Protein backbone atom coordinates (compact mmCIF):
# COMPACT_ATOMS: atom_id res chain seq x y z
CA UNK A 1 86.42 116.00 97.58
CA UNK A 2 85.99 115.35 93.86
CA UNK A 3 87.82 116.89 90.92
CA UNK A 4 85.38 116.96 88.02
CA UNK A 5 85.66 118.91 84.78
CA UNK A 6 88.72 120.61 86.32
CA UNK A 7 86.57 121.93 89.15
CA UNK A 8 87.09 120.88 92.76
CA UNK A 9 83.82 119.96 94.43
CA UNK A 10 83.90 119.98 98.22
CA UNK A 11 81.84 116.84 98.73
CA UNK A 12 81.53 115.14 102.09
CA UNK A 13 80.74 111.47 101.50
CA UNK A 14 80.90 111.00 97.73
CA UNK A 15 84.60 110.92 96.92
CA UNK A 16 87.17 110.42 94.17
CA UNK A 17 88.86 106.99 94.37
CA UNK A 18 92.63 106.83 94.19
CA UNK A 19 95.10 104.29 92.85
CA UNK A 20 93.79 100.97 91.52
CA UNK A 21 90.24 101.79 92.59
CA UNK A 22 90.21 104.56 89.98
CA UNK A 23 90.06 101.85 87.29
CA UNK A 24 86.52 101.07 88.41
CA UNK A 25 85.00 104.48 88.88
CA UNK A 26 85.79 108.20 89.02
CA UNK A 27 83.48 108.68 92.00
CA UNK A 28 82.31 106.42 94.81
CA UNK A 29 80.07 106.26 97.84
CA UNK A 30 80.47 103.82 100.72
CA UNK A 31 77.27 103.45 102.71
CA UNK A 32 78.62 101.08 105.34
CA UNK A 33 81.84 101.06 107.36
CA UNK A 34 81.95 97.28 107.70
CA UNK A 35 80.74 94.15 105.90
CA UNK A 36 79.41 90.84 107.15
CA UNK A 37 80.28 88.91 103.97
CA UNK A 38 83.72 88.15 105.42
CA UNK A 39 85.55 87.53 102.12
CA UNK A 40 89.09 86.25 102.66
CA UNK A 41 90.54 88.49 99.95
CA UNK A 42 88.74 91.63 101.17
CA UNK A 43 90.85 94.80 101.33
CA UNK A 44 88.28 96.56 103.55
CA UNK A 45 89.93 95.88 106.91
CA UNK A 46 93.25 97.26 105.71
CA UNK A 47 91.73 100.35 104.08
CA UNK A 48 89.64 100.99 107.20
CA UNK A 49 92.54 100.36 109.59
CA UNK A 50 90.45 97.79 111.43
CA UNK A 51 91.03 94.18 112.41
CA UNK A 52 89.19 91.59 110.32
CA UNK A 53 87.18 90.60 113.38
CA UNK A 54 85.92 94.16 113.83
CA UNK A 55 85.34 94.91 110.16
CA UNK A 56 83.43 91.69 109.50
CA UNK A 57 81.39 91.72 112.71
CA UNK A 58 78.76 94.31 111.77
CA UNK A 59 77.74 96.57 108.86
CA UNK A 60 78.00 99.82 110.84
CA UNK A 61 76.23 102.33 108.55
CA UNK A 62 77.91 105.70 108.20
CA UNK A 63 76.60 108.44 110.46
CA UNK A 64 73.86 110.71 109.11
CA UNK A 65 74.31 109.05 105.75
CA UNK A 66 71.16 110.23 103.98
CA UNK A 67 71.59 113.90 104.80
CA UNK A 68 75.22 113.80 103.69
CA UNK A 69 74.38 112.01 100.43
CA UNK A 70 71.61 114.48 99.65
CA UNK A 71 73.95 117.42 100.25
CA UNK A 72 76.64 116.00 97.96
CA UNK A 73 74.10 114.97 95.32
CA UNK A 74 72.81 118.52 95.12
CA UNK A 75 76.33 119.82 94.46
CA UNK A 76 77.11 117.25 91.76
CA UNK A 77 73.76 117.73 90.04
CA UNK A 78 74.93 121.20 88.97
CA UNK A 79 77.20 119.61 86.33
CA UNK A 80 75.91 118.86 82.85
CA UNK A 81 77.86 115.57 82.92
CA UNK A 82 78.26 114.52 86.57
CA UNK A 83 80.59 111.60 87.34
CA UNK A 84 79.22 108.09 87.69
CA UNK A 85 79.11 107.05 91.35
CA UNK A 86 79.96 103.49 92.40
CA UNK A 87 78.15 101.88 95.33
CA UNK A 88 80.43 100.73 96.84
CA UNK A 89 84.09 99.91 97.29
CA UNK A 90 83.90 99.26 101.03
CA UNK A 91 81.03 97.64 102.93
CA UNK A 92 78.74 95.82 100.49
CA UNK A 93 75.59 97.88 99.96
CA UNK A 94 73.44 94.72 99.96
CA UNK A 95 74.96 92.77 102.83
CA UNK A 96 72.50 90.85 105.00
CA UNK A 97 71.52 93.71 107.28
CA UNK A 98 70.50 95.97 104.40
CA UNK A 99 67.32 93.89 104.02
CA UNK A 100 66.00 95.39 107.26
CA UNK A 101 67.83 98.72 107.28
CA UNK A 102 66.88 99.78 103.74
CA UNK A 103 69.56 102.48 103.62
CA UNK A 104 70.77 101.62 100.12
CA UNK A 105 67.25 101.97 98.74
CA UNK A 106 66.99 105.44 100.24
CA UNK A 107 70.39 106.40 98.82
CA UNK A 108 69.35 105.17 95.37
CA UNK A 109 66.18 107.28 95.58
CA UNK A 110 68.28 110.38 96.35
CA UNK A 111 70.68 109.78 93.44
CA UNK A 112 67.75 109.31 91.08
CA UNK A 113 66.02 112.44 92.39
CA UNK A 114 69.11 114.47 91.50
CA UNK A 115 69.49 112.71 88.12
CA UNK A 116 72.98 111.40 88.90
CA UNK A 117 74.54 108.42 87.11
CA UNK A 118 75.48 105.55 89.38
CA UNK A 119 76.36 101.87 89.37
CA UNK A 120 75.95 99.20 92.03
CA UNK A 121 78.44 96.43 92.78
CA UNK A 122 77.43 93.72 95.23
CA UNK A 123 77.77 90.10 96.32
CA UNK A 124 74.34 90.33 97.94
CA UNK A 125 72.50 88.54 95.14
CA UNK A 126 68.71 88.55 95.36
CA UNK A 127 68.75 90.94 98.31
CA UNK A 128 69.17 93.64 95.65
CA UNK A 129 66.11 92.66 93.61
CA UNK A 130 63.97 94.62 96.04
CA UNK A 131 65.29 97.82 94.42
CA UNK A 132 65.11 96.79 90.77
CA UNK A 133 61.81 98.64 90.49
CA UNK A 134 63.83 101.85 90.88
CA UNK A 135 66.71 100.86 88.57
CA UNK A 136 64.54 99.53 85.76
CA UNK A 137 62.93 102.93 85.22
CA UNK A 138 66.18 104.91 85.40
CA UNK A 139 68.52 104.86 82.41
CA UNK A 140 71.51 106.33 84.27
CA UNK A 141 71.93 103.33 86.57
CA UNK A 142 73.58 99.93 86.14
CA UNK A 143 73.84 96.85 88.31
CA UNK A 144 76.91 94.68 88.84
CA UNK A 145 77.79 91.60 90.81
CA UNK A 146 81.14 90.16 91.86
CA UNK A 147 81.72 86.61 90.62
CA UNK A 148 84.98 84.68 90.52
CA UNK A 149 83.84 81.09 91.14
CA UNK A 150 81.29 78.71 89.65
CA UNK A 151 82.08 76.09 92.29
CA UNK A 152 80.05 76.84 95.41
CA UNK A 153 82.52 75.04 97.68
CA UNK A 154 85.24 77.49 96.63
CA UNK A 155 82.88 80.43 97.08
CA UNK A 156 81.95 79.18 100.56
CA UNK A 157 85.64 79.15 101.50
CA UNK A 158 86.60 82.52 100.05
CA UNK A 159 83.28 84.41 100.38
CA UNK A 160 81.56 82.77 103.38
CA UNK A 161 78.87 85.39 103.98
CA UNK A 162 78.07 86.32 100.38
CA UNK A 163 75.03 85.17 98.44
CA UNK A 164 75.45 81.86 96.66
CA UNK A 165 76.89 81.72 93.17
CA UNK A 166 73.56 80.59 91.70
CA UNK A 167 71.73 83.38 93.53
CA UNK A 168 74.11 86.00 92.14
CA UNK A 169 73.82 84.57 88.63
CA UNK A 170 70.03 84.54 88.78
CA UNK A 171 69.99 88.11 90.10
CA UNK A 172 72.09 89.44 87.23
CA UNK A 173 69.80 87.55 84.84
CA UNK A 174 66.73 89.16 86.42
CA UNK A 175 68.31 92.61 86.18
CA UNK A 176 69.09 92.14 82.50
CA UNK A 177 65.57 90.88 81.86
CA UNK A 178 64.16 94.04 83.44
CA UNK A 179 66.19 96.23 81.08
CA UNK A 180 68.83 97.20 83.65
CA UNK A 181 72.39 97.55 82.33
CA UNK A 182 74.47 94.77 83.88
CA UNK A 183 78.11 94.09 84.55
CA UNK A 184 80.30 91.59 86.36
CA UNK A 185 83.39 92.31 88.40
CA UNK A 186 85.55 89.23 87.96
CA UNK A 187 88.15 90.18 90.50
CA UNK A 188 90.12 88.71 92.05
CA UNK A 189 90.47 85.85 89.59
CA UNK A 190 91.80 82.93 91.61
CA UNK A 191 90.99 79.97 89.35
CA UNK A 192 91.30 80.88 85.64
CA UNK A 193 89.36 77.79 84.53
CA UNK A 194 86.33 78.77 86.58
CA UNK A 195 86.58 82.37 85.41
CA UNK A 196 86.47 81.33 81.75
CA UNK A 197 83.52 79.01 82.38
CA UNK A 198 81.59 81.82 84.04
CA UNK A 199 82.04 84.07 81.01
CA UNK A 200 80.74 81.33 78.72
CA UNK A 201 77.71 80.84 80.99
CA UNK A 202 76.84 84.47 81.66
CA UNK A 203 77.70 86.38 78.49
CA UNK A 204 74.11 86.47 77.13
CA UNK A 205 72.94 88.68 80.01
CA UNK A 206 76.09 90.59 81.03
CA UNK A 207 76.67 93.91 79.26
CA UNK A 208 80.17 94.61 80.57
CA UNK A 209 83.03 92.77 82.30
CA UNK A 210 85.82 94.06 84.52
CA UNK A 211 88.54 91.48 85.13
CA UNK A 212 91.58 91.46 87.39
CA UNK A 213 93.78 88.87 89.04
CA UNK A 214 94.32 88.17 92.71
CA UNK A 215 97.03 90.20 94.43
CA UNK A 216 98.90 89.88 97.72
CA UNK A 217 98.75 86.07 97.58
CA UNK A 218 102.15 84.85 96.46
CA UNK A 219 101.26 81.15 96.40
CA UNK A 220 98.32 81.54 94.02
CA UNK A 221 99.94 84.27 91.94
CA UNK A 222 102.98 82.11 91.23
CA UNK A 223 100.87 79.01 90.45
CA UNK A 224 98.97 80.66 87.58
CA UNK A 225 100.27 81.59 84.15
CA UNK A 226 98.66 85.03 84.03
CA UNK A 227 99.93 85.82 80.55
CA UNK A 228 98.20 82.68 79.30
CA UNK A 229 95.02 83.59 81.15
CA UNK A 230 95.07 87.10 79.73
CA UNK A 231 95.26 85.66 76.24
CA UNK A 232 92.56 83.07 76.91
CA UNK A 233 90.11 85.48 78.51
CA UNK A 234 90.62 88.08 75.78
CA UNK A 235 89.95 85.46 73.12
CA UNK A 236 86.73 84.30 74.82
CA UNK A 237 85.45 87.82 75.36
CA UNK A 238 86.12 88.76 71.74
CA UNK A 239 84.41 85.56 70.61
CA UNK A 240 81.19 86.67 72.30
CA UNK A 241 81.53 90.28 71.22
CA UNK A 242 81.65 91.30 74.87
CA UNK A 243 82.38 94.76 76.18
CA UNK A 244 85.17 94.45 78.74
CA UNK A 245 88.03 96.04 80.64
CA UNK A 246 91.14 94.20 81.80
CA UNK A 247 92.64 95.75 84.89
CA UNK A 248 96.27 96.78 84.93
CA UNK A 249 97.01 93.84 87.22
CA UNK A 250 96.52 91.66 84.11
CA UNK A 251 97.88 93.93 81.40
CA UNK A 252 101.11 94.86 83.16
CA UNK A 253 103.03 91.72 82.29
């Protein structure tokens, strides 16, 4: 169900995010029920009411996904200004198995066919380049990657199944070079120093930043001066003339 332009749309698989997720997108589509990236900070198991072992063990595509997406896309295409759809909050759309399954590519083709705006968020790195031929010719799409570390050892600990940091950086660079609108989700920030370094490195080919701190980790939260980081990151982003959004987790102090 989506509420758009004060009209309730009885969608099946494209939905309206609630709570903190709403800061990222007014509509979303999760292609997979699980994710093999196995990130330690992942909220997927809790939202899916599954154990981490089960959630991280297999991608588990949603049943009859393409038919359901096509049906919802047809409904939303009736609006003059349909909501932007995020792929995806749960179950990375370019996790390892997507290379063989190709479901995300088929979903992207459907969204384009119905002229719907959408954005992709992934830690899959170069696995997504396969579909840049579609995105580069479609002005209503954008491509984002999640990056919170420049140190690969830290990424290996926190994001063991995700693409390497360098792979994700190169992929966002390729997207930008192909004329695709790009963005970076820098959440959850765990090490402010690394976060600031990433912005300095990536700003020439990142069109938008979304930044938020780590939550539900008392030890790290208490070890960081988040007010100081908020000031530092704002200063750096303004220095580079960057377009950005600070999540309420950072602005609520």
